[in-house]
Amino acid sequence: MSTDYIDIFLGAYESTARYLWKTVATPFPPDRINGFYFLIFISLLVWGLEIILPWRKKQAIFRKDFWQDSFYMFFNFYLFGLLIYAALSGVSVQLFTDLLSPLGYEGGHLIDFSDLPWGWELLIFFFIADFVQWLVHITLHRVPFLWKFHKVHHSVKEMGFAAHLRYHFFETFIYQSFKYISLVMIFGFSLENAFIVYSLTVLIGHLNHANLNISYGPFKYLLNNPKMHIWHHAKQLPTSHKYGMNFGISLSCWDYIFGTNYIPSDGRDIELGFPDDEKYPESFIGQVIEPFKSKK
């Protein structure tokens, strides 16, 4: 690793730690929404709806793995960024740029959307980002090596808002790599719109996993929802969808367009998980280590 990469690595640690401390210490910054406290607010809001209007009325308020999933939320969004992701992503971006430089790439983006009206740029960003994540999500299910990591998310046995962010940290590298290539290298979008889409995605994702009986009426063909997404977590998969179904992140339209939708009935009480999940580790550390184990 050259001196430049080491400097990027160390600089990323310093800037990320400084940013995290500033975020926690300044709940109401004057120029933006605080993402850390926004996550807490959205989580409490959706959890409150689960308590008042539960779809599965027998499910406990503090459902199975409630606290572990809550830890996953903050680990994946903040602690992992501080400990690993920020530094490695900075190095990866520089390495990627260096590898493409012989082809004439000097950084930046190939298509510029910044001159579009704000609303159109936001809408295009939202749809492109969601479609990219939909494709990545399908890949996580179809590629055996990647499925080993995605199993962490599917080890949820009782659905609730915090299950949204129970996922292996390795998935962050997969999703962010594809999003960087498509949204930064190819298209140019403002950071303001990126944060708005991020906030909207967190809210929709929390609702998709929540213990709530909502499907948005005719908008179910556009927006993902709890009654659709619970089938994505079904333990028993139909022969017509042997790799899974309902892969939408925020939008359901991709599943309806490409035929990966599947809602045969009210899925309120279906069993969740995957075959032999009773042997899967239940602890955070065990789940983090499990995908790296070699299978005899």
Protein backbone atom coordinates (compact mmCIF):
# COMPACT_ATOMS: atom_id res chain seq x y z
CA MET A 1 0.00 0.00 0.00
CA SER A 2 1.55 3.30 -1.08
CA THR A 3 1.89 6.36 1.13
CA ASP A 4 -1.08 7.98 -0.65
CA TYR A 5 -3.36 5.09 0.24
CA ILE A 6 -2.14 5.07 3.85
CA ASP A 7 -2.85 8.80 4.11
CA ILE A 8 -6.37 8.26 2.72
CA PHE A 9 -6.90 5.38 5.17
CA LEU A 10 -5.79 7.35 8.23
CA GLY A 11 -7.50 10.54 7.10
CA ALA A 12 -10.79 8.69 6.70
CA TYR A 13 -10.60 7.41 10.28
CA GLU A 14 -9.95 10.88 11.60
CA SER A 15 -12.68 12.58 9.58
CA THR A 16 -15.25 9.85 10.31
CA ALA A 17 -14.59 9.95 14.05
CA ARG A 18 -14.86 13.73 14.01
CA TYR A 19 -18.10 13.58 12.02
CA LEU A 20 -19.62 10.94 14.31
CA TRP A 21 -18.82 12.94 17.42
CA LYS A 22 -20.23 16.11 15.89
CA THR A 23 -23.39 14.24 14.87
CA VAL A 24 -24.02 12.90 18.37
CA ALA A 25 -23.11 16.17 20.09
CA THR A 26 -25.24 18.39 17.82
CA PRO A 27 -28.82 17.06 17.66
CA PHE A 28 -30.16 20.09 15.78
CA PRO A 29 -27.57 21.42 13.30
CA PRO A 30 -28.73 24.66 11.66
CA ASP A 31 -28.02 23.62 8.07
CA ARG A 32 -29.26 20.02 7.82
CA ILE A 33 -31.17 17.16 9.43
CA ASN A 34 -29.16 15.10 11.90
CA GLY A 35 -29.15 11.55 10.49
CA PHE A 36 -28.31 9.91 13.82
CA TYR A 37 -31.29 11.37 15.66
CA PHE A 38 -33.48 11.04 12.57
CA LEU A 39 -32.90 7.27 12.75
CA ILE A 40 -33.88 7.28 16.42
CA PHE A 41 -36.98 9.39 15.73
CA ILE A 42 -38.16 7.23 12.81
CA SER A 43 -37.53 4.05 14.81
CA LEU A 44 -39.55 5.28 17.79
CA LEU A 45 -42.33 6.49 15.49
CA VAL A 46 -42.73 3.18 13.64
CA TRP A 47 -42.32 1.18 16.87
CA GLY A 48 -45.10 3.28 18.40
CA LEU A 49 -47.36 2.39 15.47
CA GLU A 50 -46.51 -1.28 15.98
CA ILE A 51 -47.55 -1.00 19.64
CA ILE A 52 -50.81 0.85 18.90
CA LEU A 53 -51.83 -0.97 15.69
CA PRO A 54 -50.11 -4.38 15.64
CA TRP A 55 -50.81 -6.68 12.70
CA ARG A 56 -49.73 -9.77 14.66
CA LYS A 57 -51.45 -9.03 17.95
CA LYS A 58 -49.82 -11.91 19.84
CA GLN A 59 -46.31 -10.73 18.97
CA ALA A 60 -44.58 -9.18 21.97
CA ILE A 61 -43.71 -5.48 21.99
CA PHE A 62 -40.12 -6.53 22.66
CA ARG A 63 -40.19 -9.29 20.06
CA LYS A 64 -37.53 -11.95 19.63
CA ASP A 65 -34.13 -10.32 18.94
CA PHE A 66 -35.55 -6.79 19.38
CA TRP A 67 -32.45 -5.50 21.18
CA GLN A 68 -30.02 -7.33 18.92
CA ASP A 69 -31.66 -5.85 15.83
CA SER A 70 -31.56 -2.41 17.45
CA PHE A 71 -27.82 -2.87 17.94
CA TYR A 72 -27.50 -3.91 14.28
CA MET A 73 -29.11 -0.59 13.29
CA PHE A 74 -26.50 1.56 14.96
CA PHE A 75 -23.61 -0.77 14.20
CA ASN A 76 -24.29 -0.88 10.47
CA PHE A 77 -25.06 2.83 10.14
CA TYR A 78 -22.42 4.30 12.44
CA LEU A 79 -20.00 2.01 14.30
CA PHE A 80 -19.10 -0.02 11.21
CA GLY A 81 -18.52 3.19 9.28
CA LEU A 82 -16.14 4.39 11.98
CA LEU A 83 -14.33 1.09 12.46
CA ILE A 84 -13.97 -0.18 8.91
CA TYR A 85 -16.06 1.13 6.05
CA ALA A 86 -15.09 4.80 5.79
CA ALA A 87 -11.38 4.06 5.59
CA LEU A 88 -11.64 1.11 3.23
CA SER A 89 -14.15 2.85 0.96
CA GLY A 90 -11.86 5.86 0.60
CA VAL A 91 -8.98 3.61 -0.40
CA SER A 92 -11.23 1.59 -2.75
CA VAL A 93 -12.47 4.71 -4.56
CA GLN A 94 -8.91 5.94 -5.10
CA LEU A 95 -7.75 2.48 -6.22
CA PHE A 96 -10.71 2.19 -8.61
CA THR A 97 -9.94 5.61 -10.09
CA ASP A 98 -6.25 4.71 -10.50
CA LEU A 99 -7.12 1.45 -12.28
CA LEU A 100 -9.41 3.24 -14.74
CA SER A 101 -7.11 6.19 -15.36
CA PRO A 102 -5.29 4.47 -18.29
CA LEU A 103 -8.73 4.40 -19.99
CA GLY A 104 -9.07 8.15 -19.60
CA TYR A 105 -11.22 8.22 -16.46
CA GLU A 106 -10.10 11.02 -14.13
CA GLY A 107 -12.87 10.89 -11.52
CA GLY A 108 -16.25 12.55 -11.44
CA HIS A 109 -19.30 11.41 -13.40
CA LEU A 110 -20.13 10.74 -17.03
CA ILE A 111 -23.69 12.14 -17.08
CA ASP A 112 -24.59 15.32 -15.24
CA PHE A 113 -28.11 15.71 -13.83
CA SER A 114 -27.29 18.73 -11.68
CA ASP A 115 -28.83 21.15 -14.20
CA LEU A 116 -32.27 19.53 -13.96
CA PRO A 117 -34.99 21.08 -11.77
CA TRP A 118 -34.60 19.95 -8.17
CA GLY A 119 -37.75 17.80 -8.15
CA TRP A 120 -36.85 15.92 -11.33
CA GLU A 121 -33.30 15.26 -10.13
CA LEU A 122 -34.64 13.91 -6.84
CA LEU A 123 -37.16 11.63 -8.58
CA ILE A 124 -34.61 10.26 -11.07
CA PHE A 125 -32.07 9.68 -8.29
CA PHE A 126 -34.67 7.81 -6.21
CA PHE A 127 -35.71 5.49 -9.06
CA ILE A 128 -32.17 4.76 -10.29
CA ALA A 129 -30.85 4.12 -6.77
CA ASP A 130 -33.75 1.80 -5.97
CA PHE A 131 -33.42 -0.14 -9.23
CA VAL A 132 -29.70 -0.65 -8.63
CA GLN A 133 -30.40 -1.93 -5.12
CA TRP A 134 -33.15 -4.21 -6.46
CA LEU A 135 -30.62 -5.78 -8.86
CA VAL A 136 -28.06 -6.17 -6.07
CA HIS A 137 -30.69 -7.74 -3.81
CA ILE A 138 -31.50 -10.38 -6.43
CA THR A 139 -27.78 -11.06 -6.84
CA LEU A 140 -27.44 -11.63 -3.08
CA HIS A 141 -30.05 -14.38 -3.38
CA ARG A 142 -28.77 -16.03 -6.55
CA VAL A 143 -24.99 -16.12 -5.93
CA PRO A 144 -24.20 -18.77 -3.25
CA PHE A 145 -21.18 -16.90 -1.88
CA LEU A 146 -23.20 -13.70 -1.40
CA TRP A 147 -26.23 -15.58 -0.05
CA LYS A 148 -24.08 -16.74 2.89
CA PHE A 149 -23.85 -13.09 3.99
CA HIS A 150 -27.46 -12.23 3.16
CA LYS A 151 -28.63 -15.09 5.37
CA VAL A 152 -28.02 -12.84 8.37
CA HIS A 153 -30.92 -10.65 7.30
CA HIS A 154 -33.14 -13.68 6.66
CA SER A 155 -32.40 -15.17 10.07
CA VAL A 156 -35.15 -12.90 11.46
CA LYS A 157 -37.89 -15.07 12.98
CA GLU A 158 -40.26 -12.30 14.09
CA MET A 159 -40.65 -9.20 11.96
CA GLY A 160 -40.41 -5.70 13.36
CA PHE A 161 -39.07 -2.33 12.25
CA ALA A 162 -35.51 -2.96 13.50
CA ALA A 163 -35.22 -6.11 11.37
CA HIS A 164 -34.79 -3.68 8.47
CA LEU A 165 -31.16 -3.07 9.40
CA ARG A 166 -30.17 -6.54 10.57
CA TYR A 167 -27.66 -7.41 7.86
CA HIS A 168 -24.04 -8.49 7.61
CA PHE A 169 -21.58 -5.61 7.25
CA PHE A 170 -20.17 -7.21 4.08
CA GLU A 171 -23.40 -6.29 2.30
CA THR A 172 -22.47 -2.64 2.73
CA PHE A 173 -19.48 -3.11 0.42
CA ILE A 174 -21.65 -4.82 -2.20
CA TYR A 175 -24.46 -2.26 -2.20
CA GLN A 176 -22.23 0.79 -1.93
CA SER A 177 -19.87 -0.39 -4.68
CA PHE A 178 -22.72 -0.70 -7.17
CA LYS A 179 -24.29 2.56 -6.00
CA TYR A 180 -20.96 4.37 -6.33
CA ILE A 181 -20.42 3.13 -9.87
CA SER A 182 -23.96 3.92 -11.01
CA LEU A 183 -24.79 7.09 -9.06
CA VAL A 184 -21.39 8.77 -8.74
CA MET A 185 -19.29 7.60 -11.67
CA ILE A 186 -22.07 7.50 -14.27
CA PHE A 187 -24.60 10.02 -12.97
CA GLY A 188 -24.04 13.23 -11.04
CA PHE A 189 -26.43 13.96 -8.17
CA SER A 190 -26.34 16.49 -5.37
CA LEU A 191 -25.58 15.44 -1.78
CA GLU A 192 -28.79 17.14 -0.66
CA ASN A 193 -30.89 14.83 -2.82
CA ALA A 194 -28.83 11.83 -1.74
CA PHE A 195 -29.66 12.54 1.91
CA ILE A 196 -33.36 13.04 1.15
CA VAL A 197 -33.49 9.70 -0.67
CA TYR A 198 -31.53 8.05 2.17
CA SER A 199 -34.02 9.37 4.74
CA LEU A 200 -37.00 8.25 2.67
CA THR A 201 -35.46 4.81 2.17
CA VAL A 202 -34.94 4.39 5.93
CA LEU A 203 -38.58 5.27 6.62
CA ILE A 204 -39.97 2.95 3.92
CA GLY A 205 -37.60 0.16 4.98
CA HIS A 206 -38.71 0.43 8.61
CA LEU A 207 -42.36 0.26 7.52
CA ASN A 208 -41.71 -2.72 5.22
CA HIS A 209 -40.45 -4.77 8.15
CA ALA A 210 -42.89 -3.44 10.73
CA ASN A 211 -45.66 -5.36 12.45
CA LEU A 212 -48.26 -3.26 10.61
CA ASN A 213 -51.21 -4.19 8.39
CA ILE A 214 -50.67 -1.74 5.54
CA SER A 215 -50.38 -2.19 1.79
CA TYR A 216 -51.12 1.35 0.45
CA GLY A 217 -54.14 0.32 -1.64
CA PRO A 218 -53.53 0.88 -5.39
CA PHE A 219 -50.08 2.29 -4.58
CA LYS A 220 -48.98 -1.23 -3.59
CA TYR A 221 -47.88 -1.61 -7.22
CA LEU A 222 -45.42 1.23 -6.69
CA LEU A 223 -44.35 1.09 -3.04
CA ASN A 224 -43.02 -1.89 -1.12
CA ASN A 225 -45.04 -2.65 2.02
CA PRO A 226 -45.24 -5.02 5.02
CA LYS A 227 -47.84 -7.32 3.46
CA MET A 228 -45.62 -7.79 0.40
CA HIS A 229 -42.25 -7.89 2.10
CA ILE A 230 -43.17 -10.51 4.68
CA TRP A 231 -43.40 -13.02 1.82
CA HIS A 232 -39.82 -12.15 0.92
CA HIS A 233 -38.86 -13.54 4.34
CA ALA A 234 -40.95 -16.73 4.00
CA LYS A 235 -39.09 -19.85 5.09
CA GLN A 236 -40.72 -22.07 2.46
CA LEU A 237 -40.22 -20.79 -1.09
CA PRO A 238 -42.58 -21.76 -3.93
CA THR A 239 -41.16 -23.77 -6.83
CA SER A 240 -41.95 -20.83 -9.12
CA HIS A 241 -39.61 -18.58 -7.11
CA LYS A 242 -36.86 -20.88 -5.90
CA TYR A 243 -34.44 -17.97 -5.32
CA GLY A 244 -36.97 -15.77 -3.55
CA MET A 245 -39.50 -13.12 -4.45
CA ASN A 246 -40.50 -9.51 -3.73
CA PHE A 247 -36.97 -8.11 -3.88
CA GLY A 248 -38.02 -4.44 -3.87
CA ILE A 249 -36.23 -2.14 -1.45
CA SER A 250 -38.46 0.94 -1.47
CA LEU A 251 -40.36 0.37 -4.72
CA SER A 252 -42.42 -2.71 -5.56
CA CYS A 253 -42.83 -1.82 -9.24
CA TRP A 254 -39.64 -3.65 -10.30
CA ASP A 255 -41.07 -6.94 -9.00
CA TYR A 256 -44.34 -6.43 -10.86
CA ILE A 257 -42.54 -5.39 -14.05
CA PHE A 258 -40.07 -8.30 -14.07
CA GLY A 259 -42.34 -10.97 -12.60
CA THR A 260 -40.65 -11.51 -9.23
CA ASN A 261 -43.76 -10.50 -7.28
CA TYR A 262 -45.51 -13.13 -5.13
CA ILE A 263 -48.34 -12.51 -2.65
CA PRO A 264 -50.53 -15.63 -2.70
CA SER A 265 -52.48 -14.76 0.45
CA ASP A 266 -52.37 -12.83 3.71
CA GLY A 267 -48.90 -13.67 5.02
CA ARG A 268 -49.41 -12.46 8.57
CA ASP A 269 -48.56 -15.73 10.32
CA ILE A 270 -46.23 -17.48 7.86
CA GLU A 271 -43.00 -18.94 9.21
CA LEU A 272 -39.97 -16.79 8.51
CA GLY A 273 -36.35 -17.73 7.90
CA PHE A 274 -34.69 -20.33 5.66
CA PRO A 275 -34.21 -24.13 5.72
CA ASP A 276 -32.21 -25.37 8.74
CA ASP A 277 -32.18 -21.90 10.30
CA GLU A 278 -32.57 -23.54 13.71
CA LYS A 279 -28.85 -24.35 13.43
CA TYR A 280 -27.94 -20.75 12.56
CA PRO A 281 -26.09 -18.71 15.24
CA GLU A 282 -28.32 -16.42 17.27
CA SER A 283 -25.67 -14.08 18.67
CA PHE A 284 -24.35 -11.00 16.86
CA ILE A 285 -20.75 -12.27 16.85
CA GLY A 286 -21.84 -15.71 15.70
CA GLN A 287 -23.79 -14.25 12.78
CA VAL A 288 -20.89 -12.01 11.75
CA ILE A 289 -18.46 -14.94 11.73
CA GLU A 290 -20.76 -17.58 10.19
CA PRO A 291 -20.40 -16.58 6.47
CA PHE A 292 -16.61 -16.83 6.70
CA LYS A 293 -16.63 -20.40 7.96
CA SER A 294 -15.62 -23.06 5.50
CA LYS A 295 -18.20 -25.80 4.98
CA LYS A 296 -16.94 -29.37 5.10
